[in-house]
Protein backbone atom coordinates (compact mmCIF):
# COMPACT_ATOMS: atom_id res chain seq x y z
CA MET A 1 -16.37 -28.26 15.80
CA VAL A 2 -18.12 -24.93 16.24
CA ARG A 3 -18.69 -22.88 13.10
CA LYS A 4 -18.50 -19.14 13.33
CA LYS A 5 -21.77 -17.40 12.57
CA TRP A 6 -21.02 -14.76 9.96
CA LYS A 7 -23.20 -11.73 9.70
CA ARG A 8 -24.60 -11.05 6.26
CA ASN A 9 -22.81 -7.71 5.90
CA GLU A 10 -19.49 -9.35 6.89
CA LEU A 11 -19.90 -11.91 4.13
CA LEU A 12 -20.75 -9.23 1.57
CA GLU A 13 -17.68 -7.26 2.65
CA ILE A 14 -15.48 -10.34 2.18
CA LEU A 15 -16.95 -10.90 -1.28
CA ASP A 16 -16.35 -7.26 -2.24
CA ASN A 17 -12.79 -7.23 -0.89
CA GLU A 18 -11.57 -10.62 -2.11
CA PHE A 19 -13.42 -11.39 -5.36
CA LEU A 20 -14.21 -9.72 -8.68
CA SER A 21 -16.99 -10.45 -11.14
CA THR A 22 -16.33 -11.21 -14.78
CA GLN A 23 -17.19 -7.64 -15.83
CA GLU A 24 -14.93 -6.16 -13.14
CA VAL A 25 -12.05 -8.33 -14.39
CA LEU A 26 -12.66 -7.28 -18.00
CA ASP A 27 -12.67 -3.61 -16.99
CA THR A 28 -9.59 -3.93 -14.77
CA LEU A 29 -7.45 -5.82 -17.28
CA GLN A 30 -8.98 -4.08 -20.33
CA ILE A 31 -9.35 -7.36 -22.19
CA THR A 32 -12.15 -9.18 -24.01
CA LYS A 33 -14.19 -12.09 -22.65
CA GLN A 34 -12.40 -14.40 -25.05
CA ALA A 35 -9.02 -13.29 -23.71
CA LEU A 36 -10.21 -13.82 -20.13
CA TYR A 37 -11.45 -17.33 -20.85
CA SER A 38 -8.18 -18.10 -22.59
CA LEU A 39 -6.31 -17.03 -19.43
CA VAL A 40 -8.59 -19.28 -17.36
CA LEU A 41 -8.09 -22.26 -19.70
CA ARG A 42 -4.31 -21.80 -19.56
CA ASN A 43 -4.46 -21.64 -15.72
CA LYS A 44 -3.12 -18.08 -15.63
CA ILE A 45 -6.15 -16.95 -13.64
CA GLU A 46 -8.23 -19.11 -11.30
CA GLN A 47 -11.99 -19.03 -11.71
CA VAL A 48 -14.34 -19.86 -8.82
CA ARG A 49 -17.77 -21.13 -9.81
CA LYS A 50 -20.91 -21.35 -7.73
CA GLY A 51 -23.78 -22.39 -9.94
CA SER A 52 -23.82 -20.02 -12.90
CA VAL A 53 -21.79 -17.33 -11.11
CA LYS A 54 -18.11 -16.98 -11.94
CA LEU A 55 -15.81 -15.07 -9.59
CA TYR A 56 -12.10 -14.35 -9.66
CA PHE A 57 -9.68 -13.76 -6.80
CA ARG A 58 -8.83 -10.06 -6.60
CA SER A 59 -5.21 -10.87 -5.72
CA ASP A 60 -4.85 -12.99 -8.89
CA ILE A 61 -6.21 -10.16 -11.03
CA GLU A 62 -3.96 -7.55 -9.40
CA LYS A 63 -0.95 -9.82 -9.97
CA ARG A 64 -1.97 -10.39 -13.58
CA LEU A 65 -2.36 -6.64 -14.14
CA ILE A 66 1.28 -6.10 -13.13
CA GLU A 67 2.45 -8.99 -15.33
CA GLN A 68 0.31 -7.76 -18.20
CA GLU A 69 1.86 -4.29 -18.09
CA ALA A 70 5.33 -5.82 -18.29
CA LEU A 71 4.29 -8.05 -21.20
CA ARG A 72 2.76 -5.14 -23.07
CA LYS A 73 5.93 -3.10 -22.64
CA LYS A 74 7.95 -6.02 -23.96
CA TYR A 75 5.77 -6.98 -26.93
CA ARG A 76 4.18 -3.60 -27.73
CA PRO A 77 6.89 -1.04 -26.99
CA TYR A 78 5.42 1.41 -29.49
CA ASP A 79 2.47 1.91 -27.12
CA PHE A 80 4.83 3.27 -24.45
CA LYS A 81 7.23 5.43 -26.45
CA GLU A 82 6.54 9.11 -26.71
CA SER A 83 6.12 10.12 -30.30
CA SER A 84 8.22 12.98 -31.60
CA LYS A 85 5.02 14.82 -32.56
CA GLU A 86 3.95 15.09 -28.91
CA LYS A 87 7.25 16.73 -27.93
CA VAL A 88 6.82 19.62 -30.38
């Protein structure tokens, strides 16, 4: 079996396009570290570990962002309603 020789910049591009760091996930989902680790423990988001580095699949995070918006609208509807003061 012949393995493809990847160029360094190709590998970095794959990492950038397909994975997010912990801080990028926190910023994207606007959640705390504790909330992120809770999602990982409950298998809502898959975590990839290599040594001490933790990465997350970008597609999982984008999917979770859509689900999270729906959940927030359901359980926190007051965040999405326009207040009567803003209309005046």
